[in-house]
């Protein structure tokens, strides 16, 4: 399960259309310019609950080693992306 948030109240920077909360993975993810970013859900809220505040606080980061293809499949399903596990440098 994932929860898509597309409300401008979440402080999306230019290039970010939606935010996906993935409670089962304990994170929040978003895509900016074709790159997948994530932030731990609790840290995201502590940073102010917006993408920009998480970035400003140094909490949001590029995903370089996703947990699994299942994680990426969930992201792909909700955000309409096509991320593949083998294409991440740090896996």
N, C-alpha and C. Protein backbone atom coordinates (compact mmCIF):
# COMPACT_ATOMS: atom_id res chain seq x y z
N UNK A 1 0.84 -1.18 0.00
CA UNK A 1 0.00 0.00 0.00
C UNK A 1 0.88 1.24 0.00
N UNK A 2 0.44 2.26 -0.65
CA UNK A 2 1.12 3.54 -0.66
C UNK A 2 0.10 4.64 -0.66
N UNK A 3 0.49 5.78 -0.19
CA UNK A 3 -0.41 6.92 -0.12
C UNK A 3 0.20 8.04 -0.95
N UNK A 4 -0.45 8.39 -2.04
CA UNK A 4 0.05 9.47 -2.89
C UNK A 4 -0.46 10.80 -2.37
N UNK A 5 0.42 11.73 -2.29
CA UNK A 5 0.07 13.07 -1.85
C UNK A 5 0.46 14.02 -2.98
N UNK A 6 -0.50 14.77 -3.47
CA UNK A 6 -0.19 15.72 -4.54
C UNK A 6 -0.66 17.13 -4.18
N UNK A 7 -0.66 17.40 -2.92
CA UNK A 7 -1.13 18.69 -2.40
C UNK A 7 0.05 19.66 -2.31
N UNK A 8 -0.11 20.84 -2.82
CA UNK A 8 0.98 21.82 -2.79
C UNK A 8 1.36 22.24 -1.37
N UNK A 9 0.57 21.88 -0.38
CA UNK A 9 0.91 22.20 1.01
C UNK A 9 2.17 21.46 1.47
N UNK A 10 2.64 20.50 0.70
CA UNK A 10 3.81 19.73 1.09
C UNK A 10 5.11 20.33 0.56
N UNK A 11 5.03 21.50 -0.03
CA UNK A 11 6.24 22.23 -0.41
C UNK A 11 7.07 21.56 -1.48
N UNK A 12 6.42 21.11 -2.55
CA UNK A 12 7.16 20.46 -3.61
C UNK A 12 8.03 21.47 -4.35
N UNK A 13 9.29 21.18 -4.51
CA UNK A 13 10.13 22.04 -5.35
C UNK A 13 9.74 21.84 -6.82
N UNK A 14 10.17 22.73 -7.66
CA UNK A 14 9.88 22.60 -9.08
C UNK A 14 10.39 21.26 -9.59
N UNK A 15 9.58 20.58 -10.37
CA UNK A 15 9.97 19.29 -10.91
C UNK A 15 9.43 18.11 -10.12
N UNK A 16 8.86 18.35 -8.94
CA UNK A 16 8.26 17.28 -8.13
C UNK A 16 6.75 17.43 -8.20
N UNK A 17 6.09 16.40 -8.70
CA UNK A 17 4.64 16.45 -8.85
C UNK A 17 3.89 15.78 -7.71
N UNK A 18 4.47 14.75 -7.13
CA UNK A 18 3.77 14.05 -6.06
C UNK A 18 4.76 13.37 -5.13
N UNK A 19 4.24 13.06 -3.99
CA UNK A 19 4.99 12.46 -2.90
C UNK A 19 4.29 11.15 -2.57
N UNK A 20 5.04 10.12 -2.31
CA UNK A 20 4.45 8.82 -2.01
C UNK A 20 4.91 8.39 -0.63
N UNK A 21 3.96 8.21 0.27
CA UNK A 21 4.27 7.67 1.60
C UNK A 21 4.15 6.16 1.51
N UNK A 22 5.18 5.47 1.96
CA UNK A 22 5.17 4.01 1.97
C UNK A 22 5.36 3.53 3.40
N UNK A 23 4.25 3.46 4.16
CA UNK A 23 4.34 3.09 5.57
C UNK A 23 5.03 1.75 5.81
N UNK A 24 4.83 0.78 4.91
CA UNK A 24 5.45 -0.52 5.11
C UNK A 24 6.97 -0.47 4.99
N UNK A 25 7.49 0.55 4.35
CA UNK A 25 8.94 0.74 4.24
C UNK A 25 9.44 1.86 5.15
N UNK A 26 8.52 2.54 5.81
CA UNK A 26 8.89 3.61 6.74
C UNK A 26 9.51 4.82 6.09
N UNK A 27 9.09 5.10 4.84
CA UNK A 27 9.70 6.22 4.14
C UNK A 27 8.69 6.98 3.30
N UNK A 28 9.18 8.09 2.83
CA UNK A 28 8.46 8.95 1.89
C UNK A 28 9.37 9.05 0.67
N UNK A 29 8.82 8.91 -0.53
CA UNK A 29 9.63 9.00 -1.75
C UNK A 29 9.04 10.01 -2.71
N UNK A 30 9.89 10.53 -3.56
CA UNK A 30 9.45 11.42 -4.64
C UNK A 30 10.43 11.32 -5.78
N UNK A 31 10.02 11.75 -6.95
CA UNK A 31 10.86 11.73 -8.14
C UNK A 31 11.04 13.16 -8.60
N UNK A 32 12.29 13.50 -8.85
CA UNK A 32 12.61 14.83 -9.38
C UNK A 32 13.56 14.65 -10.54
N UNK A 33 13.16 15.14 -11.69
CA UNK A 33 13.96 15.04 -12.91
C UNK A 33 14.43 13.61 -13.17
N UNK A 34 13.54 12.64 -12.97
CA UNK A 34 13.83 11.25 -13.26
C UNK A 34 14.65 10.53 -12.20
N UNK A 35 14.96 11.19 -11.10
CA UNK A 35 15.75 10.60 -10.03
C UNK A 35 14.86 10.33 -8.82
N UNK A 36 15.01 9.16 -8.23
CA UNK A 36 14.23 8.77 -7.07
C UNK A 36 14.91 9.24 -5.79
N UNK A 37 14.15 9.90 -4.94
CA UNK A 37 14.63 10.39 -3.64
C UNK A 37 13.77 9.80 -2.54
N UNK A 38 14.36 9.68 -1.35
CA UNK A 38 13.58 9.21 -0.22
C UNK A 38 14.00 9.90 1.06
N UNK A 39 13.18 9.73 2.06
CA UNK A 39 13.44 10.28 3.39
C UNK A 39 12.68 9.40 4.37
N UNK A 40 13.29 9.07 5.49
CA UNK A 40 12.56 8.31 6.50
C UNK A 40 11.32 9.09 6.90
N UNK A 41 10.21 8.40 7.06
CA UNK A 41 8.93 9.06 7.33
C UNK A 41 9.00 9.93 8.59
N UNK A 42 9.56 9.42 9.68
CA UNK A 42 9.63 10.20 10.91
C UNK A 42 10.51 11.42 10.74
N UNK A 43 11.62 11.26 10.07
CA UNK A 43 12.54 12.38 9.83
C UNK A 43 11.88 13.42 8.95
N UNK A 44 11.12 12.97 7.97
CA UNK A 44 10.41 13.88 7.08
C UNK A 44 9.48 14.79 7.87
N UNK A 45 8.72 14.19 8.79
CA UNK A 45 7.80 14.98 9.61
C UNK A 45 8.55 15.92 10.54
N UNK A 46 9.65 15.44 11.13
CA UNK A 46 10.45 16.28 12.03
C UNK A 46 11.08 17.46 11.31
N UNK A 47 11.37 17.28 10.02
CA UNK A 47 11.99 18.35 9.24
C UNK A 47 10.99 19.41 8.82
N UNK A 48 9.72 19.19 9.08
CA UNK A 48 8.72 20.18 8.73
C UNK A 48 7.61 19.64 7.85
N UNK A 49 7.74 18.39 7.40
CA UNK A 49 6.68 17.76 6.63
C UNK A 49 6.54 18.22 5.21
N UNK A 50 7.58 18.85 4.66
CA UNK A 50 7.56 19.23 3.25
C UNK A 50 8.82 18.71 2.57
N UNK A 51 8.72 18.48 1.28
CA UNK A 51 9.89 18.02 0.54
C UNK A 51 11.01 19.04 0.69
N UNK A 52 10.69 20.31 0.51
CA UNK A 52 11.73 21.33 0.57
C UNK A 52 12.36 21.41 1.95
N UNK A 53 11.56 21.30 3.02
CA UNK A 53 12.14 21.36 4.36
C UNK A 53 13.04 20.15 4.62
N UNK A 54 12.67 18.98 4.11
CA UNK A 54 13.51 17.80 4.27
C UNK A 54 14.84 17.98 3.53
N UNK A 55 14.76 18.52 2.32
CA UNK A 55 15.98 18.78 1.55
C UNK A 55 16.85 19.81 2.25
N UNK A 56 16.23 20.90 2.70
CA UNK A 56 16.98 21.95 3.39
C UNK A 56 17.64 21.45 4.66
N UNK A 57 17.00 20.48 5.33
CA UNK A 57 17.55 19.93 6.57
C UNK A 57 18.54 18.80 6.29
N UNK A 58 18.79 18.53 5.02
CA UNK A 58 19.74 17.49 4.65
C UNK A 58 19.20 16.09 4.89
N UNK A 59 17.88 15.95 4.91
CA UNK A 59 17.27 14.67 5.23
C UNK A 59 16.84 13.87 4.01
N UNK A 60 16.50 14.52 2.94
CA UNK A 60 16.09 13.80 1.74
C UNK A 60 17.31 13.50 0.90
N UNK A 61 17.36 12.30 0.35
CA UNK A 61 18.52 11.96 -0.45
C UNK A 61 18.18 11.06 -1.61
N UNK A 62 19.07 11.05 -2.58
CA UNK A 62 18.89 10.21 -3.76
C UNK A 62 18.97 8.74 -3.34
N UNK A 63 18.09 7.95 -3.91
CA UNK A 63 18.12 6.51 -3.65
C UNK A 63 19.19 5.91 -4.56
N UNK A 64 20.22 5.32 -3.96
CA UNK A 64 21.29 4.69 -4.74
C UNK A 64 21.32 3.18 -4.53
N UNK A 65 20.69 2.71 -3.46
CA UNK A 65 20.65 1.27 -3.17
C UNK A 65 19.26 0.90 -2.64
N UNK A 66 18.29 0.76 -3.54
CA UNK A 66 16.94 0.42 -3.08
C UNK A 66 16.91 -0.94 -2.41
N UNK A 67 15.96 -1.10 -1.52
CA UNK A 67 15.83 -2.33 -0.75
C UNK A 67 15.62 -3.56 -1.63
N UNK A 68 14.76 -3.42 -2.63
CA UNK A 68 14.43 -4.57 -3.47
C UNK A 68 13.67 -4.09 -4.71
N UNK A 69 13.51 -5.00 -5.65
CA UNK A 69 12.68 -4.68 -6.81
C UNK A 69 11.23 -4.52 -6.38
N UNK A 70 10.82 -5.23 -5.33
CA UNK A 70 9.44 -5.10 -4.83
C UNK A 70 9.18 -3.66 -4.37
N UNK A 71 10.15 -3.06 -3.70
CA UNK A 71 10.04 -1.66 -3.29
C UNK A 71 9.87 -0.78 -4.53
N UNK A 72 10.71 -1.00 -5.53
CA UNK A 72 10.64 -0.20 -6.75
C UNK A 72 9.34 -0.45 -7.51
N UNK A 73 8.86 -1.69 -7.48
CA UNK A 73 7.59 -1.99 -8.14
C UNK A 73 6.46 -1.17 -7.51
N UNK A 74 6.50 -1.02 -6.20
CA UNK A 74 5.48 -0.23 -5.49
C UNK A 74 5.58 1.23 -5.94
N UNK A 75 6.79 1.76 -5.99
CA UNK A 75 7.01 3.14 -6.44
C UNK A 75 6.53 3.28 -7.88
N UNK A 76 6.93 2.35 -8.74
CA UNK A 76 6.55 2.40 -10.15
C UNK A 76 5.03 2.39 -10.32
N UNK A 77 4.36 1.55 -9.56
CA UNK A 77 2.90 1.43 -9.64
C UNK A 77 2.23 2.76 -9.31
N UNK A 78 2.66 3.38 -8.24
CA UNK A 78 2.00 4.59 -7.77
C UNK A 78 2.42 5.85 -8.51
N UNK A 79 3.67 5.92 -8.90
CA UNK A 79 4.18 7.16 -9.51
C UNK A 79 4.32 7.08 -11.03
N UNK A 80 4.00 5.93 -11.62
CA UNK A 80 4.06 5.80 -13.07
C UNK A 80 5.47 5.83 -13.61
N UNK A 81 6.40 5.32 -12.83
CA UNK A 81 7.81 5.29 -13.24
C UNK A 81 8.18 3.88 -13.66
N UNK A 82 9.44 3.68 -14.04
CA UNK A 82 9.91 2.36 -14.47
C UNK A 82 11.30 2.09 -13.91
N UNK A 83 11.47 2.29 -12.61
CA UNK A 83 12.76 2.04 -11.98
C UNK A 83 13.04 0.54 -11.91
N UNK A 84 14.28 0.17 -12.21
CA UNK A 84 14.71 -1.23 -12.16
C UNK A 84 15.88 -1.35 -11.20
N UNK A 85 15.82 -2.36 -10.36
CA UNK A 85 16.82 -2.58 -9.30
C UNK A 85 18.24 -2.57 -9.84
N UNK A 86 18.48 -3.23 -10.96
CA UNK A 86 19.84 -3.36 -11.50
C UNK A 86 20.41 -2.04 -12.01
N UNK A 87 19.59 -1.00 -12.12
CA UNK A 87 20.07 0.28 -12.65
C UNK A 87 20.54 1.24 -11.56
N UNK A 88 20.59 0.80 -10.30
CA UNK A 88 21.04 1.66 -9.22
C UNK A 88 22.47 1.34 -8.85
N UNK A 89 23.30 2.36 -8.80
CA UNK A 89 24.74 2.19 -8.60
C UNK A 89 25.12 1.49 -7.31
N UNK A 90 24.41 1.75 -6.23
CA UNK A 90 24.83 1.25 -4.93
C UNK A 90 24.20 -0.06 -4.50
N UNK A 91 23.48 -0.71 -5.35
CA UNK A 91 22.79 -1.94 -4.93
C UNK A 91 23.74 -3.08 -4.71
